[in-house]
N, C-alpha and C. Protein backbone atom coordinates (compact mmCIF):
# COMPACT_ATOMS: atom_id res chain seq x y z
N MET A 1 70.08 16.54 151.55
CA MET A 1 69.57 16.94 152.86
C MET A 1 71.29 16.07 154.06
N LYS A 2 71.94 15.47 153.01
CA LYS A 2 72.77 14.17 153.67
C LYS A 2 73.81 14.97 154.13
N HIS A 3 74.51 16.22 152.44
CA HIS A 3 75.70 17.42 152.71
C HIS A 3 75.01 18.06 153.83
N THR A 4 74.02 18.39 153.92
CA THR A 4 73.62 19.87 154.97
C THR A 4 74.13 18.83 156.52
N LEU A 5 73.31 17.97 156.76
CA LEU A 5 73.59 17.25 157.94
C LEU A 5 75.04 17.39 157.85
N GLN A 6 76.46 17.39 157.19
CA GLN A 6 76.99 15.91 157.60
C GLN A 6 77.65 18.03 157.65
N LEU A 7 77.47 19.30 157.32
CA LEU A 7 77.93 20.62 157.60
C LEU A 7 78.05 21.20 158.71
N ALA A 8 76.71 21.14 158.79
CA ALA A 8 76.05 21.10 160.35
C ALA A 8 76.75 20.49 161.68
N PHE A 9 77.21 19.12 161.47
CA PHE A 9 78.06 18.21 161.91
C PHE A 9 79.04 18.73 162.11
N ILE A 10 79.64 19.24 160.96
CA ILE A 10 81.36 19.50 160.65
C ILE A 10 81.41 20.73 162.00
N ARG A 11 80.33 21.74 161.38
CA ARG A 11 80.63 23.11 161.92
C ARG A 11 80.19 22.51 163.81
N ALA A 12 79.68 21.91 164.15
CA ALA A 12 79.31 21.90 165.80
C ALA A 12 80.64 21.08 166.31
N LEU A 13 81.29 20.79 165.62
CA LEU A 13 82.14 19.66 165.99
C LEU A 13 83.58 20.69 166.22
N LEU A 14 83.77 21.75 165.53
CA LEU A 14 85.13 22.50 165.13
C LEU A 14 84.68 23.22 165.65
N LEU A 15 83.42 24.56 165.88
CA LEU A 15 83.39 25.66 166.55
C LEU A 15 84.08 25.83 168.59
N PRO A 16 83.53 24.07 168.87
CA PRO A 16 84.33 24.53 170.66
C PRO A 16 85.47 23.67 170.69
N LEU A 17 85.71 23.03 169.52
CA LEU A 17 87.31 22.82 168.99
C LEU A 17 87.91 23.92 168.97
N SER A 18 87.96 24.31 168.44
CA SER A 18 88.73 26.06 168.06
C SER A 18 88.29 26.49 169.52
N MET A 19 87.45 27.03 169.69
CA MET A 19 87.23 28.27 170.55
C MET A 19 88.27 27.09 172.44
N LEU A 20 88.18 26.32 172.18
CA LEU A 20 89.29 25.17 173.16
C LEU A 20 91.00 25.70 173.05
N LEU A 21 91.16 25.59 172.06
CA LEU A 21 92.56 25.95 171.25
C LEU A 21 92.99 27.58 172.19
N PHE A 22 91.70 28.23 171.39
CA PHE A 22 92.26 29.50 171.51
C PHE A 22 92.05 30.15 172.92
N SER A 23 91.61 29.68 173.41
CA SER A 23 91.58 29.87 175.42
C SER A 23 92.89 28.94 175.70
N ALA A 24 93.29 27.87 175.17
CA ALA A 24 94.60 27.02 175.27
C ALA A 24 95.94 28.31 175.68
N ASN A 25 95.75 28.62 173.81
CA ASN A 25 96.34 30.12 173.35
C ASN A 25 96.42 31.23 174.08
N SER A 26 95.27 31.85 174.07
CA SER A 26 95.07 32.78 175.51
C SER A 26 96.18 33.04 176.70
N TYR A 27 95.89 31.45 177.44
CA TYR A 27 96.11 31.26 178.50
C TYR A 27 97.77 31.38 178.32
N ALA A 28 98.13 30.81 177.55
CA ALA A 28 99.83 30.67 177.66
C ALA A 28 100.40 31.65 177.31
N PHE A 29 99.49 32.64 176.29
CA PHE A 29 100.50 34.01 176.18
C PHE A 29 100.30 35.05 177.27
N SER A 30 99.10 34.45 177.68
CA SER A 30 98.88 35.64 178.64
C SER A 30 99.87 35.37 180.33
N LYS A 31 100.16 33.59 180.29
CA LYS A 31 101.40 33.22 181.40
C LYS A 31 102.31 33.68 181.43
N GLN A 32 102.69 34.09 179.93
CA GLN A 32 104.01 34.63 179.45
C GLN A 32 104.18 35.86 179.47
N GLN A 33 103.43 36.81 179.25
CA GLN A 33 103.42 38.18 180.28
C GLN A 33 103.43 38.46 181.44
N CYS A 34 102.51 37.59 182.07
CA CYS A 34 102.99 37.81 183.57
C CYS A 34 103.32 37.50 184.47
N GLN A 35 104.68 36.72 183.30
CA GLN A 35 106.32 36.15 184.59
C GLN A 35 106.92 37.01 184.77
N TYR A 36 107.03 38.31 184.57
CA TYR A 36 107.75 39.31 185.05
C TYR A 36 107.05 39.72 186.67
N PHE A 37 105.84 39.34 186.86
CA PHE A 37 104.89 40.08 188.41
C PHE A 37 105.52 38.43 188.98
N ASP A 38 105.21 36.94 188.15
CA ASP A 38 105.55 36.53 189.23
C ASP A 38 106.97 36.36 190.07
N ASN A 39 107.33 36.27 188.80
CA ASN A 39 109.40 36.37 189.57
C ASN A 39 109.12 37.60 190.25
N LYS A 40 109.09 38.33 190.74
CA LYS A 40 108.91 39.59 191.00
C LYS A 40 108.29 39.42 192.82
N LEU A 41 106.97 38.58 192.78
CA LEU A 41 105.71 37.89 194.06
C LEU A 41 107.01 37.19 194.43
N ASP A 42 107.85 36.06 194.14
CA ASP A 42 108.45 35.53 194.59
C ASP A 42 109.73 36.41 195.34
N GLN A 43 110.88 36.69 194.45
CA GLN A 43 111.59 38.27 194.92
C GLN A 43 111.19 38.61 196.78
N VAL A 44 110.11 39.05 196.67
CA VAL A 44 109.94 39.83 197.56
C VAL A 44 109.31 38.12 198.69
N ARG A 45 108.72 37.25 198.54
CA ARG A 45 108.22 36.28 199.07
C ARG A 45 109.38 35.70 200.26
N SER A 46 110.52 35.55 199.44
CA SER A 46 111.40 34.85 199.95
C SER A 46 112.39 36.33 200.34
N LYS A 47 112.44 37.57 200.67
CA LYS A 47 112.76 38.54 201.39
C LYS A 47 112.16 38.25 202.82
N LEU A 48 110.51 38.32 202.74
CA LEU A 48 110.19 38.35 203.99
C LEU A 48 109.72 37.22 204.94
N ARG A 49 110.62 35.99 204.04
CA ARG A 49 110.80 34.62 204.29
C ARG A 49 112.32 34.91 205.55
N TYR A 50 112.87 35.51 204.81
CA TYR A 50 114.55 35.54 205.22
C TYR A 50 113.80 36.44 206.57
N GLY A 51 113.98 37.66 206.81
CA GLY A 51 113.74 38.06 207.88
C GLY A 51 114.07 39.74 208.13
N TYR A 52 113.01 40.53 208.79
CA TYR A 52 113.82 42.16 208.89
C TYR A 52 113.11 42.79 210.06
N GLY A 53 113.15 43.44 210.29
CA GLY A 53 113.32 44.62 210.96
C GLY A 53 110.99 45.11 210.84
N PRO A 54 110.54 45.06 211.52
CA PRO A 54 109.24 45.79 211.70
C PRO A 54 108.59 46.71 210.90
N LYS A 55 109.58 47.46 210.26
CA LYS A 55 109.10 49.20 209.58
C LYS A 55 109.65 48.25 208.12
N GLU A 56 110.82 47.36 207.95
CA GLU A 56 111.03 46.57 206.47
C GLU A 56 110.12 45.07 206.14
N GLY A 57 109.33 44.82 207.39
CA GLY A 57 108.54 43.32 206.73
C GLY A 57 107.35 44.49 206.41
N GLU A 58 106.61 45.60 207.34
CA GLU A 58 105.55 46.23 206.49
C GLU A 58 105.89 46.63 205.39
N ARG A 59 106.81 47.23 204.97
CA ARG A 59 107.07 47.40 203.77
C ARG A 59 107.43 46.58 202.38
N LEU A 60 107.30 45.83 203.25
CA LEU A 60 107.69 44.14 202.66
C LEU A 60 105.96 43.92 202.01
N LYS A 61 105.56 43.56 203.41
CA LYS A 61 104.19 43.05 203.16
C LYS A 61 103.16 44.03 202.18
N TYR A 62 103.35 45.09 201.70
CA TYR A 62 102.51 46.52 201.12
C TYR A 62 103.12 45.68 199.51
N GLN A 63 104.44 46.02 199.47
CA GLN A 63 104.84 45.31 198.46
C GLN A 63 104.43 44.06 197.97
N GLU A 64 104.09 42.85 198.51
CA GLU A 64 103.40 41.65 198.05
C GLU A 64 102.27 41.92 198.04
N LYS A 65 101.60 42.82 198.65
CA LYS A 65 99.88 42.94 198.25
C LYS A 65 99.73 43.26 197.17
N GLN A 66 100.55 44.72 196.65
CA GLN A 66 100.39 45.19 195.32
C GLN A 66 101.13 43.96 193.96
N ILE A 67 101.68 43.25 194.14
CA ILE A 67 101.88 42.95 193.55
C ILE A 67 101.33 41.59 193.01
N LYS A 68 100.84 40.98 193.58
CA LYS A 68 100.11 39.51 193.98
C LYS A 68 98.86 40.56 193.43
N ARG A 69 98.13 41.77 193.86
CA ARG A 69 97.24 42.38 193.36
C ARG A 69 97.57 42.33 191.44
N VAL A 70 98.25 43.07 190.86
CA VAL A 70 98.75 43.04 190.05
C VAL A 70 98.55 41.64 189.29
N TRP A 71 99.52 40.94 189.82
CA TRP A 71 99.54 39.77 189.01
C TRP A 71 98.64 38.74 188.24
N TRP A 72 97.60 39.19 189.76
CA TRP A 72 96.46 38.08 189.56
C TRP A 72 95.42 38.87 188.39
N LEU A 73 95.61 40.58 188.10
CA LEU A 73 94.90 41.59 186.91
C LEU A 73 94.92 40.36 185.91
N CYS A 74 97.25 40.21 185.60
CA CYS A 74 97.66 40.31 184.44
C CYS A 74 97.25 38.31 184.02
N ILE A 75 96.79 37.96 184.91
CA ILE A 75 96.84 36.66 184.16
C ILE A 75 94.84 36.47 184.18
N ASN A 76 94.18 37.21 184.59
CA ASN A 76 92.70 37.30 184.26
C ASN A 76 92.92 37.70 182.82
N ASN A 77 94.11 38.51 182.35
CA ASN A 77 93.90 39.36 181.09
C ASN A 77 92.71 40.96 181.57
N LYS A 78 92.95 41.01 182.53
CA LYS A 78 92.62 42.62 183.08
C LYS A 78 93.08 43.72 182.31
N LEU A 79 94.45 43.57 182.35
CA LEU A 79 95.23 44.62 182.18
C LEU A 79 95.47 45.02 180.31
N ASP A 80 95.39 45.65 179.75
CA ASP A 80 95.99 46.10 178.51
C ASP A 80 97.88 46.48 178.03
N ASN A 81 98.14 46.15 177.38
CA ASN A 81 99.51 46.07 177.18
C ASN A 81 100.37 47.90 177.25
N LYS A 82 99.21 48.85 177.23
CA LYS A 82 99.68 50.12 177.81
C LYS A 82 99.93 49.90 179.50
N GLN A 83 98.85 49.40 180.29
CA GLN A 83 99.07 48.66 181.60
C GLN A 83 99.71 48.04 182.31
N LEU A 84 99.96 47.40 181.11
CA LEU A 84 100.94 46.06 182.05
C LEU A 84 102.50 47.20 181.92
N LYS A 85 103.12 47.80 181.16
CA LYS A 85 103.67 48.76 180.72
C LYS A 85 104.00 49.39 181.85
N GLN A 86 103.00 50.35 182.38
CA GLN A 86 102.72 51.32 183.85
C GLN A 86 102.73 50.48 184.49
N TRP A 87 102.27 49.39 184.56
CA TRP A 87 102.65 48.60 186.33
C TRP A 87 104.00 48.03 186.24
N LYS A 88 104.86 46.81 185.27
CA LYS A 88 106.15 47.04 185.16
C LYS A 88 107.16 48.04 185.61
N LYS A 89 106.70 49.01 185.45
CA LYS A 89 107.76 50.35 185.44
C LYS A 89 107.50 50.42 187.33
N LYS A 90 106.41 50.71 187.55
CA LYS A 90 106.54 50.76 188.91
C LYS A 90 106.07 49.38 190.00
N VAL A 91 106.69 48.94 189.54
CA VAL A 91 106.91 47.59 190.38
C VAL A 91 108.50 47.72 190.64
N ASN A 92 108.79 47.95 189.28
CA ASN A 92 110.35 48.48 188.77
C ASN A 92 110.95 48.89 190.44
N ARG A 93 109.96 50.23 189.93
CA ARG A 93 110.85 50.88 191.04
C ARG A 93 110.21 50.85 192.76
N MET A 94 109.50 50.09 192.89
CA MET A 94 108.85 49.79 194.10
C MET A 94 109.57 48.38 194.52
N THR A 95 110.53 47.97 193.83
CA THR A 95 111.02 46.73 194.29
C THR A 95 112.53 46.63 193.73
N LYS A 96 113.32 48.28 194.04
CA LYS A 96 114.55 48.49 193.47
C LYS A 96 115.41 47.99 194.65
N SER A 97 115.26 48.51 195.79
CA SER A 97 116.26 48.40 197.24
C SER A 97 116.93 47.14 196.95
């Protein structure tokens, strides 16, 4: 009986602890995966602060909106690896200029 209680206590203690460690590891991995989008977002925002004409400003605002949306999806683990690669290519083409 005492042995069963000890096992139940250990299981009750280890399960939440392992879930916490797994979620922290998953967050670190997602942050590493999304660093590319974060860097691109910083680049576009710095160009916006620098100042451009109206047409260029609208294009940069559109880029910022798109990259921010993808970055948010990435941080929240809504993109699989295939989608991540596709978006990286698209963002790279979008910010090439």
